Amino acid sequence: MVKEGAAMGRVVESTREWVQRSFASQAIIETSDLSFYYGDERALHDVTLGIPAEGVTAIMGPSGCGKSTLLRTFNRMYELYPGARTVGHVSFLGQDLLRADVVALRRYIGMVFQRPNPFPKSIFENVAYGPKVHSLVRSSALKDHVEESLRRAALWDEVKDHLKKSAFSLSGGQQQRLCIARALAVQPQVLLMDEPCSALDPRACDRIEETIRNLAQELTVVIVTHNLQQASRVSDCVAVMLDGGELAEFGPTTSVFESPADERVADYLQGRFG
């Protein structure tokens, strides 16, 4: 597998070298002629792309273009909506994602939503819940596992003396990082993030962005954002969706922002629509 053996402490090359290597390697998630429907309404139109196994991929575009819908196909979250269906192919590490066991799939492809959604439990139990359900660690190792997950989400130092408190006692930014820790606790290979900063203040957003960049050195991160500046700051490659659910452009972030091949993408990046 592409991600097996990826060491947390590996030396990260320059952004350009990192992106070039990512595009040269096997994609971790691939779609081919993917269309998506909410009932009779078509939300994605023949999307074909490959998400590199390393770094951060940003999906951006104007409101209603299907970027969140595309993200939700990657762990079949759309199945929660009656009448939703896909046409086409989606694979995860070469396996048919649409036929996989959905519970197992969502362990390996975790998701963080636009608004923090902690469980009505303590801070500790929020993070411990997944490892308990999936029997990932022994009871004797659970405390250390929770600590590690909170550290990876850059939250441990702020909550280590308050683990028994309700998750709802945390600020919005802290709750979002708790949700990231909860997702990390089941040891995913991919972390999907649907506009994770849209409900947060700038300072909390900075912490989330820093966390995203750190996490990208050990797993695949795919983020939906409507914020062009955020996409340019945190991502290594970017997919630009346009109205009608069309993938207009996909490539290294620097190339897309500086010299987009599609004139419509250039108009979008210059603020002429969207």
C-alpha atoms as a PDB file:
ATOM      1  CA  MET A   1       0.000   0.000   0.000  1.00  0.00           C
ATOM      2  CA  VAL A   2       1.136   3.518  -0.724  1.00  0.00           C
ATOM      3  CA  LYS A   3       0.799   4.717   2.841  1.00  0.00           C
ATOM      4  CA  GLU A   4       2.338   1.716   4.587  1.00  0.00           C
ATOM      5  CA  GLY A   5       5.624   2.481   6.258  1.00  0.00           C
ATOM      6  CA  ALA A   6       5.206   6.255   6.040  1.00  0.00           C
ATOM      7  CA  ALA A   7       7.270   7.548   8.950  1.00  0.00           C
ATOM      8  CA  MET A   8       6.093  10.518  10.968  1.00  0.00           C
ATOM      9  CA  GLY A   9       9.602  11.837  11.130  1.00  0.00           C
ATOM     10  CA  ARG A  10      10.472  11.605   7.455  1.00  0.00           C
ATOM     11  CA  VAL A  11      12.236  14.567   5.931  1.00  0.00           C
ATOM     12  CA  VAL A  12       9.782  16.627   3.885  1.00  0.00           C
ATOM     13  CA  GLU A  13      11.115  17.969   0.607  1.00  0.00           C
ATOM     14  CA  SER A  14      10.325  21.380  -0.742  1.00  0.00           C
ATOM     15  CA  THR A  15       6.693  21.895  -1.710  1.00  0.00           C
ATOM     16  CA  ARG A  16       7.523  21.595  -5.419  1.00  0.00           C
ATOM     17  CA  GLU A  17       9.409  18.309  -4.990  1.00  0.00           C
ATOM     18  CA  TRP A  18       6.699  16.967  -2.703  1.00  0.00           C
ATOM     19  CA  VAL A  19       3.950  17.708  -5.228  1.00  0.00           C
ATOM     20  CA  GLN A  20       5.939  16.251  -8.103  1.00  0.00           C
ATOM     21  CA  ARG A  21       6.495  13.048  -6.171  1.00  0.00           C
ATOM     22  CA  SER A  22       2.826  12.859  -5.193  1.00  0.00           C
ATOM     23  CA  PHE A  23       1.644  13.174  -8.776  1.00  0.00           C
ATOM     24  CA  ALA A  24       4.163  10.558  -9.886  1.00  0.00           C
ATOM     25  CA  SER A  25       2.960   8.049  -7.281  1.00  0.00           C
ATOM     26  CA  GLN A  26      -0.203   5.979  -7.219  1.00  0.00           C
ATOM     27  CA  ALA A  27      -3.250   7.983  -6.241  1.00  0.00           C
ATOM     28  CA  ILE A  28      -4.831   6.894  -2.969  1.00  0.00           C
ATOM     29  CA  ILE A  29      -8.370   7.777  -4.122  1.00  0.00           C
ATOM     30  CA  GLU A  30      -9.384   7.797  -7.787  1.00  0.00           C
ATOM     31  CA  THR A  31     -12.624   8.625  -9.536  1.00  0.00           C
ATOM     32  CA  SER A  32     -13.527   7.848 -13.127  1.00  0.00           C
ATOM     33  CA  ASP A  33     -16.531   9.406 -14.900  1.00  0.00           C
ATOM     34  CA  LEU A  34     -18.159   9.969 -11.512  1.00  0.00           C
ATOM     35  CA  SER A  35     -21.605  11.523 -11.525  1.00  0.00           C
ATOM     36  CA  PHE A  36     -23.814  12.038  -8.515  1.00  0.00           C
ATOM     37  CA  TYR A  37     -27.545  12.560  -8.180  1.00  0.00           C
ATOM     38  CA  TYR A  38     -29.854  13.778  -5.434  1.00  0.00           C
ATOM     39  CA  GLY A  39     -32.983  12.193  -6.840  1.00  0.00           C
ATOM     40  CA  ASP A  40     -33.212  13.600 -10.379  1.00  0.00           C
ATOM     41  CA  GLU A  41     -30.838  16.497  -9.669  1.00  0.00           C
ATOM     42  CA  ARG A  42     -27.323  15.977 -10.963  1.00  0.00           C
ATOM     43  CA  ALA A  43     -24.716  17.377  -8.561  1.00  0.00           C
ATOM     44  CA  LEU A  44     -21.503  15.966 -10.116  1.00  0.00           C
ATOM     45  CA  HIS A  45     -20.812  15.630 -13.837  1.00  0.00           C
ATOM     46  CA  ASP A  46     -18.349  12.952 -15.013  1.00  0.00           C
ATOM     47  CA  VAL A  47     -15.567  13.794 -12.543  1.00  0.00           C
ATOM     48  CA  THR A  48     -12.253  12.029 -13.138  1.00  0.00           C
ATOM     49  CA  LEU A  49      -9.301  12.700 -10.829  1.00  0.00           C
ATOM     50  CA  GLY A  50      -6.715  11.038  -8.601  1.00  0.00           C
ATOM     51  CA  ILE A  51      -6.005  12.262  -5.080  1.00  0.00           C
ATOM     52  CA  PRO A  52      -2.235  12.042  -4.402  1.00  0.00           C
ATOM     53  CA  ALA A  53      -1.308   9.872  -1.448  1.00  0.00           C
ATOM     54  CA  GLU A  54       0.800  12.585   0.138  1.00  0.00           C
ATOM     55  CA  GLY A  55       0.144  16.169   1.133  1.00  0.00           C
ATOM     56  CA  VAL A  56      -3.042  18.251   1.152  1.00  0.00           C
ATOM     57  CA  THR A  57      -5.507  18.352  -1.706  1.00  0.00           C
ATOM     58  CA  ALA A  58      -7.960  21.265  -1.658  1.00  0.00           C
ATOM     59  CA  ILE A  59     -11.298  21.135  -3.437  1.00  0.00           C
ATOM     60  CA  MET A  60     -12.655  24.605  -4.100  1.00  0.00           C
ATOM     61  CA  GLY A  61     -15.189  26.424  -6.230  1.00  0.00           C
ATOM     62  CA  PRO A  62     -18.279  28.634  -6.022  1.00  0.00           C
ATOM     63  CA  SER A  63     -21.237  27.779  -3.787  1.00  0.00           C
ATOM     64  CA  GLY A  64     -23.348  24.913  -5.081  1.00  0.00           C
ATOM     65  CA  CYS A  65     -20.701  23.542  -7.434  1.00  0.00           C
ATOM     66  CA  GLY A  66     -20.600  20.085  -5.819  1.00  0.00           C
ATOM     67  CA  LYS A  67     -17.330  20.293  -3.903  1.00  0.00           C
ATOM     68  CA  SER A  68     -18.803  18.982  -0.618  1.00  0.00           C
ATOM     69  CA  THR A  69     -20.741  16.343  -2.522  1.00  0.00           C
ATOM     70  CA  LEU A  70     -17.503  15.124  -4.125  1.00  0.00           C
ATOM     71  CA  LEU A  71     -15.841  14.938  -0.707  1.00  0.00           C
ATOM     72  CA  ARG A  72     -18.724  12.905   0.701  1.00  0.00           C
ATOM     73  CA  THR A  73     -18.427  10.306  -2.053  1.00  0.00           C
ATOM     74  CA  PHE A  74     -14.953   9.474  -0.767  1.00  0.00           C
ATOM     75  CA  ASN A  75     -16.368   7.791   2.351  1.00  0.00           C
ATOM     76  CA  ARG A  76     -19.953   7.327   1.130  1.00  0.00           C
ATOM     77  CA  MET A  77     -21.383   9.786   3.613  1.00  0.00           C
ATOM     78  CA  TYR A  78     -23.993  10.562   0.959  1.00  0.00           C
ATOM     79  CA  GLU A  79     -25.735   7.292   1.824  1.00  0.00           C
ATOM     80  CA  LEU A  80     -27.318   9.112   4.759  1.00  0.00           C
ATOM     81  CA  TYR A  81     -29.471  11.050   2.251  1.00  0.00           C
ATOM     82  CA  PRO A  82     -32.510   9.226   0.751  1.00  0.00           C
ATOM     83  CA  GLY A  83     -32.452   9.128  -3.038  1.00  0.00           C
ATOM     84  CA  ALA A  84     -28.760   9.956  -3.364  1.00  0.00           C
ATOM     85  CA  ARG A  85     -26.815   7.791  -5.813  1.00  0.00           C
ATOM     86  CA  THR A  86     -23.550   7.622  -7.730  1.00  0.00           C
ATOM     87  CA  VAL A  87     -22.795   6.614 -11.310  1.00  0.00           C
ATOM     88  CA  GLY A  88     -19.220   5.822 -12.270  1.00  0.00           C
ATOM     89  CA  HIS A  89     -16.235   4.481 -10.389  1.00  0.00           C
ATOM     90  CA  VAL A  90     -14.441   5.402  -7.161  1.00  0.00           C
ATOM     91  CA  SER A  91     -11.476   3.431  -5.835  1.00  0.00           C
ATOM     92  CA  PHE A  92      -9.439   3.516  -2.636  1.00  0.00           C
ATOM     93  CA  LEU A  93      -5.942   2.064  -2.966  1.00  0.00           C
ATOM     94  CA  GLY A  94      -7.090   0.274  -6.102  1.00  0.00           C
ATOM     95  CA  GLN A  95     -10.167  -1.317  -4.494  1.00  0.00           C
ATOM     96  CA  ASP A  96     -13.784  -0.530  -5.412  1.00  0.00           C
ATOM     97  CA  LEU A  97     -14.786   2.018  -2.776  1.00  0.00           C
ATOM     98  CA  LEU A  98     -18.485   1.847  -3.659  1.00  0.00           C
ATOM     99  CA  ARG A  99     -18.640  -1.874  -2.829  1.00  0.00           C
ATOM    100  CA  ALA A 100     -16.526  -1.829   0.329  1.00  0.00           C
ATOM    101  CA  ASP A 101     -17.941  -2.408   3.797  1.00  0.00           C
ATOM    102  CA  VAL A 102     -18.962   1.109   4.761  1.00  0.00           C
ATOM    103  CA  VAL A 103     -18.090   0.781   8.471  1.00  0.00           C
ATOM    104  CA  ALA A 104     -14.564  -0.379   7.683  1.00  0.00           C
ATOM    105  CA  LEU A 105     -14.262   2.239   4.943  1.00  0.00           C
ATOM    106  CA  ARG A 106     -15.072   5.116   7.305  1.00  0.00           C
ATOM    107  CA  ARG A 107     -12.417   3.927   9.709  1.00  0.00           C
ATOM    108  CA  TYR A 108      -9.733   4.301   7.037  1.00  0.00           C
ATOM    109  CA  ILE A 109     -11.251   7.437   5.502  1.00  0.00           C
ATOM    110  CA  GLY A 110     -12.247   9.712   8.381  1.00  0.00           C
ATOM    111  CA  MET A 111     -14.178  12.961   8.153  1.00  0.00           C
ATOM    112  CA  VAL A 112     -14.347  16.291   9.977  1.00  0.00           C
ATOM    113  CA  PHE A 113     -17.369  18.462   9.278  1.00  0.00           C
ATOM    114  CA  GLN A 114     -17.978  22.158   8.788  1.00  0.00           C
ATOM    115  CA  ARG A 115     -19.266  22.670  12.313  1.00  0.00           C
ATOM    116  CA  PRO A 116     -17.739  20.888  15.319  1.00  0.00           C
ATOM    117  CA  ASN A 117     -19.903  17.938  16.358  1.00  0.00           C
ATOM    118  CA  PRO A 118     -18.426  16.452  19.551  1.00  0.00           C
ATOM    119  CA  PHE A 119     -20.313  13.637  21.246  1.00  0.00           C
ATOM    120  CA  PRO A 120     -22.193  14.479  24.463  1.00  0.00           C
ATOM    121  CA  LYS A 121     -19.427  12.829  26.441  1.00  0.00           C
ATOM    122  CA  SER A 122     -16.237  13.843  28.206  1.00  0.00           C
ATOM    123  CA  ILE A 123     -13.204  15.008  26.258  1.00  0.00           C
ATOM    124  CA  PHE A 124     -11.508  11.681  26.985  1.00  0.00           C
ATOM    125  CA  GLU A 125     -14.507   9.565  25.946  1.00  0.00           C
ATOM    126  CA  ASN A 126     -14.902  11.467  22.676  1.00  0.00           C
ATOM    127  CA  VAL A 127     -11.442  10.343  21.598  1.00  0.00           C
ATOM    128  CA  ALA A 128     -11.613   6.886  23.182  1.00  0.00           C
ATOM    129  CA  TYR A 129     -14.960   5.986  21.596  1.00  0.00           C
ATOM    130  CA  GLY A 130     -13.664   4.885  18.179  1.00  0.00           C
ATOM    131  CA  PRO A 131     -10.744   2.776  19.413  1.00  0.00           C
ATOM    132  CA  LYS A 132     -13.136   1.022  21.833  1.00  0.00           C
ATOM    133  CA  VAL A 133     -15.713   0.269  19.129  1.00  0.00           C
ATOM    134  CA  HIS A 134     -13.083  -1.056  16.716  1.00  0.00           C
ATOM    135  CA  SER A 135     -11.026  -2.784  19.453  1.00  0.00           C
ATOM    136  CA  LEU A 136      -7.905  -1.065  18.186  1.00  0.00           C
ATOM    137  CA  VAL A 137      -5.939  -0.914  21.434  1.00  0.00           C
ATOM    138  CA  ARG A 138      -5.854  -2.781  24.727  1.00  0.00           C
ATOM    139  CA  SER A 139      -7.593  -1.166  27.689  1.00  0.00           C
ATOM    140  CA  SER A 140      -4.236  -0.665  29.361  1.00  0.00           C
ATOM    141  CA  ALA A 141      -3.002   1.345  26.376  1.00  0.00           C
ATOM    142  CA  LEU A 142      -6.142   3.432  25.831  1.00  0.00           C
ATOM    143  CA  LYS A 143      -5.012   6.395  27.919  1.00  0.00           C
ATOM    144  CA  ASP A 144      -1.756   6.713  25.982  1.00  0.00           C
ATOM    145  CA  HIS A 145      -3.615   6.334  22.703  1.00  0.00           C
ATOM    146  CA  VAL A 146      -5.999   9.165  23.588  1.00  0.00           C
ATOM    147  CA  GLU A 147      -3.062  11.376  24.570  1.00  0.00           C
ATOM    148  CA  GLU A 148      -1.288  10.665  21.287  1.00  0.00           C
ATOM    149  CA  SER A 149      -4.418  11.518  19.270  1.00  0.00           C
ATOM    150  CA  LEU A 150      -4.903  14.779  21.164  1.00  0.00           C
ATOM    151  CA  ARG A 151      -1.252  15.677  20.637  1.00  0.00           C
ATOM    152  CA  ARG A 152      -1.536  15.047  16.892  1.00  0.00           C
ATOM    153  CA  ALA A 153      -4.542  17.396  16.845  1.00  0.00           C
ATOM    154  CA  ALA A 154      -2.542  20.044  18.767  1.00  0.00           C
ATOM    155  CA  LEU A 155      -4.997  19.967  21.690  1.00  0.00           C
ATOM    156  CA  TRP A 156      -3.296  17.961  24.438  1.00  0.00           C
ATOM    157  CA  ASP A 157      -1.595  20.837  26.254  1.00  0.00           C
ATOM    158  CA  GLU A 158      -4.902  22.706  26.500  1.00  0.00           C
ATOM    159  CA  VAL A 159      -7.026  19.831  27.830  1.00  0.00           C
ATOM    160  CA  LYS A 160      -4.679  17.414  29.628  1.00  0.00           C
ATOM    161  CA  ASP A 161      -5.916  18.559  33.047  1.00  0.00           C
ATOM    162  CA  HIS A 162      -9.592  18.581  32.020  1.00  0.00           C
ATOM    163  CA  LEU A 163     -10.143  15.242  30.309  1.00  0.00           C
ATOM    164  CA  LYS A 164     -13.200  14.410  32.415  1.00  0.00           C
ATOM    165  CA  LYS A 165     -14.969  17.643  31.503  1.00  0.00           C
ATOM    166  CA  SER A 166     -17.706  17.729  28.894  1.00  0.00           C
ATOM    167  CA  ALA A 167     -16.551  18.284  25.334  1.00  0.00           C
ATOM    168  CA  PHE A 168     -19.094  21.105  25.187  1.00  0.00           C
ATOM    169  CA  SER A 169     -17.033  23.068  27.712  1.00  0.00           C
ATOM    170  CA  LEU A 170     -14.433  23.691  24.993  1.00  0.00           C
ATOM    171  CA  SER A 171     -14.350  26.669  22.646  1.00  0.00           C
ATOM    172  CA  GLY A 172     -15.422  26.249  19.033  1.00  0.00           C
ATOM    173  CA  GLY A 173     -11.857  25.942  17.782  1.00  0.00           C
ATOM    174  CA  GLN A 174     -10.987  23.452  20.512  1.00  0.00           C
ATOM    175  CA  GLN A 175     -14.100  21.403  19.704  1.00  0.00           C
ATOM    176  CA  GLN A 176     -13.030  21.233  16.069  1.00  0.00           C
ATOM    177  CA  ARG A 177      -9.567  20.011  17.048  1.00  0.00           C
ATOM    178  CA  LEU A 178     -11.235  17.486  19.366  1.00  0.00           C
ATOM    179  CA  CYS A 179     -13.199  16.208  16.375  1.00  0.00           C
ATOM    180  CA  ILE A 180      -9.920  15.933  14.477  1.00  0.00           C
ATOM    181  CA  ALA A 181      -8.415  13.965  17.397  1.00  0.00           C
ATOM    182  CA  ARG A 182     -11.497  11.721  17.447  1.00  0.00           C
ATOM    183  CA  ALA A 183     -11.041  11.000  13.737  1.00  0.00           C
ATOM    184  CA  LEU A 184      -7.315  10.352  14.162  1.00  0.00           C
ATOM    185  CA  ALA A 185      -7.874   7.953  17.056  1.00  0.00           C
ATOM    186  CA  VAL A 186      -9.063   5.194  14.694  1.00  0.00           C
ATOM    187  CA  GLN A 187      -5.840   5.530  12.669  1.00  0.00           C
ATOM    188  CA  PRO A 188      -7.220   6.555   9.262  1.00  0.00           C
ATOM    189  CA  GLN A 189      -5.149   6.762   6.119  1.00  0.00           C
ATOM    190  CA  VAL A 190      -7.179   9.664   4.723  1.00  0.00           C
ATOM    191  CA  LEU A 191      -8.751  12.606   6.566  1.00  0.00           C
ATOM    192  CA  LEU A 192     -11.548  14.477   4.794  1.00  0.00           C
ATOM    193  CA  MET A 193     -12.305  17.999   6.044  1.00  0.00           C
ATOM    194  CA  ASP A 194     -15.410  19.857   4.869  1.00  0.00           C
ATOM    195  CA  GLU A 195     -14.761  23.605   5.354  1.00  0.00           C
ATOM    196  CA  PRO A 196     -13.367  22.986   8.864  1.00  0.00           C
ATOM    197  CA  CYS A 197     -12.667  26.681   9.529  1.00  0.00           C
ATOM    198  CA  SER A 198     -15.854  28.305   8.230  1.00  0.00           C
ATOM    199  CA  ALA A 199     -17.431  28.589  11.691  1.00  0.00           C
ATOM    200  CA  LEU A 200     -14.239  29.663  13.492  1.00  0.00           C
ATOM    201  CA  ASP A 201     -12.510  32.955  14.264  1.00  0.00           C
ATOM    202  CA  PRO A 202      -9.182  33.775  12.525  1.00  0.00           C
ATOM    203  CA  ARG A 203      -7.024  32.681  15.460  1.00  0.00           C
ATOM    204  CA  ALA A 204      -8.747  29.302  15.731  1.00  0.00           C
ATOM    205  CA  CYS A 205      -8.512  28.970  11.953  1.00  0.00           C
ATOM    206  CA  ASP A 206      -4.752  29.477  12.123  1.00  0.00           C
ATOM    207  CA  ARG A 207      -4.455  26.602  14.598  1.00  0.00           C
ATOM    208  CA  ILE A 208      -6.516  24.313  12.373  1.00  0.00           C
ATOM    209  CA  GLU A 209      -4.418  25.192   9.314  1.00  0.00           C
ATOM    210  CA  GLU A 210      -1.213  24.504  11.231  1.00  0.00           C
ATOM    211  CA  THR A 211      -2.642  21.169  12.341  1.00  0.00           C
ATOM    212  CA  ILE A 212      -3.577  20.298   8.742  1.00  0.00           C
ATOM    213  CA  ARG A 213      -0.045  20.949   7.511  1.00  0.00           C
ATOM    214  CA  ASN A 214       1.448  18.833  10.305  1.00  0.00           C
ATOM    215  CA  LEU A 215      -0.974  15.959   9.710  1.00  0.00           C
ATOM    216  CA  ALA A 216      -0.212  15.977   5.985  1.00  0.00           C
ATOM    217  CA  GLN A 217       3.245  14.625   6.758  1.00  0.00           C
ATOM    218  CA  GLU A 218       1.753  11.343   7.964  1.00  0.00           C
ATOM    219  CA  LEU A 219      -1.553  10.858   6.142  1.00  0.00           C
ATOM    220  CA  THR A 220      -3.570  12.116   3.183  1.00  0.00           C
ATOM    221  CA  VAL A 221      -5.667  15.233   3.821  1.00  0.00           C
ATOM    222  CA  VAL A 222      -8.463  16.381   1.503  1.00  0.00           C
ATOM    223  CA  ILE A 223     -10.063  19.697   2.395  1.00  0.00           C
ATOM    224  CA  VAL A 224     -13.050  21.523   0.926  1.00  0.00           C
ATOM    225  CA  THR A 225     -12.735  25.280   1.227  1.00  0.00           C
ATOM    226  CA  HIS A 226     -14.429  28.345  -0.220  1.00  0.00           C
ATOM    227  CA  ASN A 227     -11.453  30.444   0.918  1.00  0.00           C
ATOM    228  CA  LEU A 228      -8.948  30.888  -1.912  1.00  0.00           C
ATOM    229  CA  GLN A 229      -6.262  32.206   0.427  1.00  0.00           C
ATOM    230  CA  GLN A 230      -6.640  29.178   2.667  1.00  0.00           C
ATOM    231  CA  ALA A 231      -6.342  26.829  -0.303  1.00  0.00           C
ATOM    232  CA  SER A 232      -3.146  28.573  -1.414  1.00  0.00           C
ATOM    233  CA  ARG A 233      -1.698  28.399   2.121  1.00  0.00           C
ATOM    234  CA  VAL A 234      -2.382  24.800   3.077  1.00  0.00           C
ATOM    235  CA  SER A 235      -2.682  22.732  -0.092  1.00  0.00           C
ATOM    236  CA  ASP A 236      -0.154  21.062  -2.356  1.00  0.00           C
ATOM    237  CA  CYS A 237      -2.626  20.416  -5.143  1.00  0.00           C
ATOM    238  CA  VAL A 238      -6.054  21.781  -5.888  1.00  0.00           C
ATOM    239  CA  ALA A 239      -9.226  20.724  -7.693  1.00  0.00           C
ATOM    240  CA  VAL A 240     -11.446  23.526  -8.983  1.00  0.00           C
ATOM    241  CA  MET A 241     -15.133  22.696  -9.362  1.00  0.00           C
ATOM    242  CA  LEU A 242     -17.495  24.887 -11.362  1.00  0.00           C
ATOM    243  CA  ASP A 243     -21.272  25.146 -11.662  1.00  0.00           C
ATOM    244  CA  GLY A 244     -22.960  21.948 -12.734  1.00  0.00           C
ATOM    245  CA  GLY A 245     -20.579  19.771 -10.755  1.00  0.00           C
ATOM    246  CA  GLU A 246     -17.830  19.906 -13.379  1.00  0.00           C
ATOM    247  CA  LEU A 247     -14.176  19.462 -12.488  1.00  0.00           C
ATOM    248  CA  ALA A 248     -12.622  22.336 -14.430  1.00  0.00           C
ATOM    249  CA  GLU A 249      -8.987  21.940 -13.376  1.00  0.00           C
ATOM    250  CA  PHE A 250      -6.789  19.786 -11.154  1.00  0.00           C
ATOM    251  CA  GLY A 251      -3.079  20.139 -10.494  1.00  0.00           C
ATOM    252  CA  PRO A 252      -0.327  21.516  -8.241  1.00  0.00           C
ATOM    253  CA  THR A 253      -1.591  24.515  -6.281  1.00  0.00           C
ATOM    254  CA  THR A 254       1.098  26.899  -7.490  1.00  0.00           C
ATOM    255  CA  SER A 255       0.471  26.032 -11.147  1.00  0.00           C
ATOM    256  CA  VAL A 256      -3.309  26.359 -10.898  1.00  0.00           C
ATOM    257  CA  PHE A 257      -3.157  29.685  -9.051  1.00  0.00           C
ATOM    258  CA  GLU A 258      -0.421  31.243 -11.185  1.00  0.00           C
ATOM    259  CA  SER A 259      -1.256  29.906 -14.641  1.00  0.00           C
ATOM    260  CA  PRO A 260      -4.642  28.146 -14.817  1.00  0.00           C
ATOM    261  CA  ALA A 261      -5.256  26.348 -18.087  1.00  0.00           C
ATOM    262  CA  ASP A 262      -9.013  26.945 -18.058  1.00  0.00           C
ATOM    263  CA  GLU A 263     -10.129  30.536 -18.647  1.00  0.00           C
ATOM    264  CA  ARG A 264     -13.138  29.978 -16.392  1.00  0.00           C
ATOM    265  CA  VAL A 265     -10.811  29.022 -13.546  1.00  0.00           C
ATOM    266  CA  ALA A 266      -8.813  32.188 -14.114  1.00  0.00           C
ATOM    267  CA  ASP A 267     -12.037  34.216 -13.914  1.00  0.00           C
ATOM    268  CA  TYR A 268     -12.987  32.462 -10.679  1.00  0.00           C
ATOM    269  CA  LEU A 269      -9.578  33.011  -9.096  1.00  0.00           C
ATOM    270  CA  GLN A 270      -9.710  36.694 -10.078  1.00  0.00           C
ATOM    271  CA  GLY A 271     -13.121  37.068  -8.449  1.00  0.00           C
ATOM    272  CA  ARG A 272     -15.005  37.668 -11.688  1.00  0.00           C
ATOM    273  CA  PHE A 273     -17.641  35.145 -10.586  1.00  0.00           C
ATOM    274  CA  GLY A 274     -18.381  32.830  -7.665  1.00  0.00           C
END
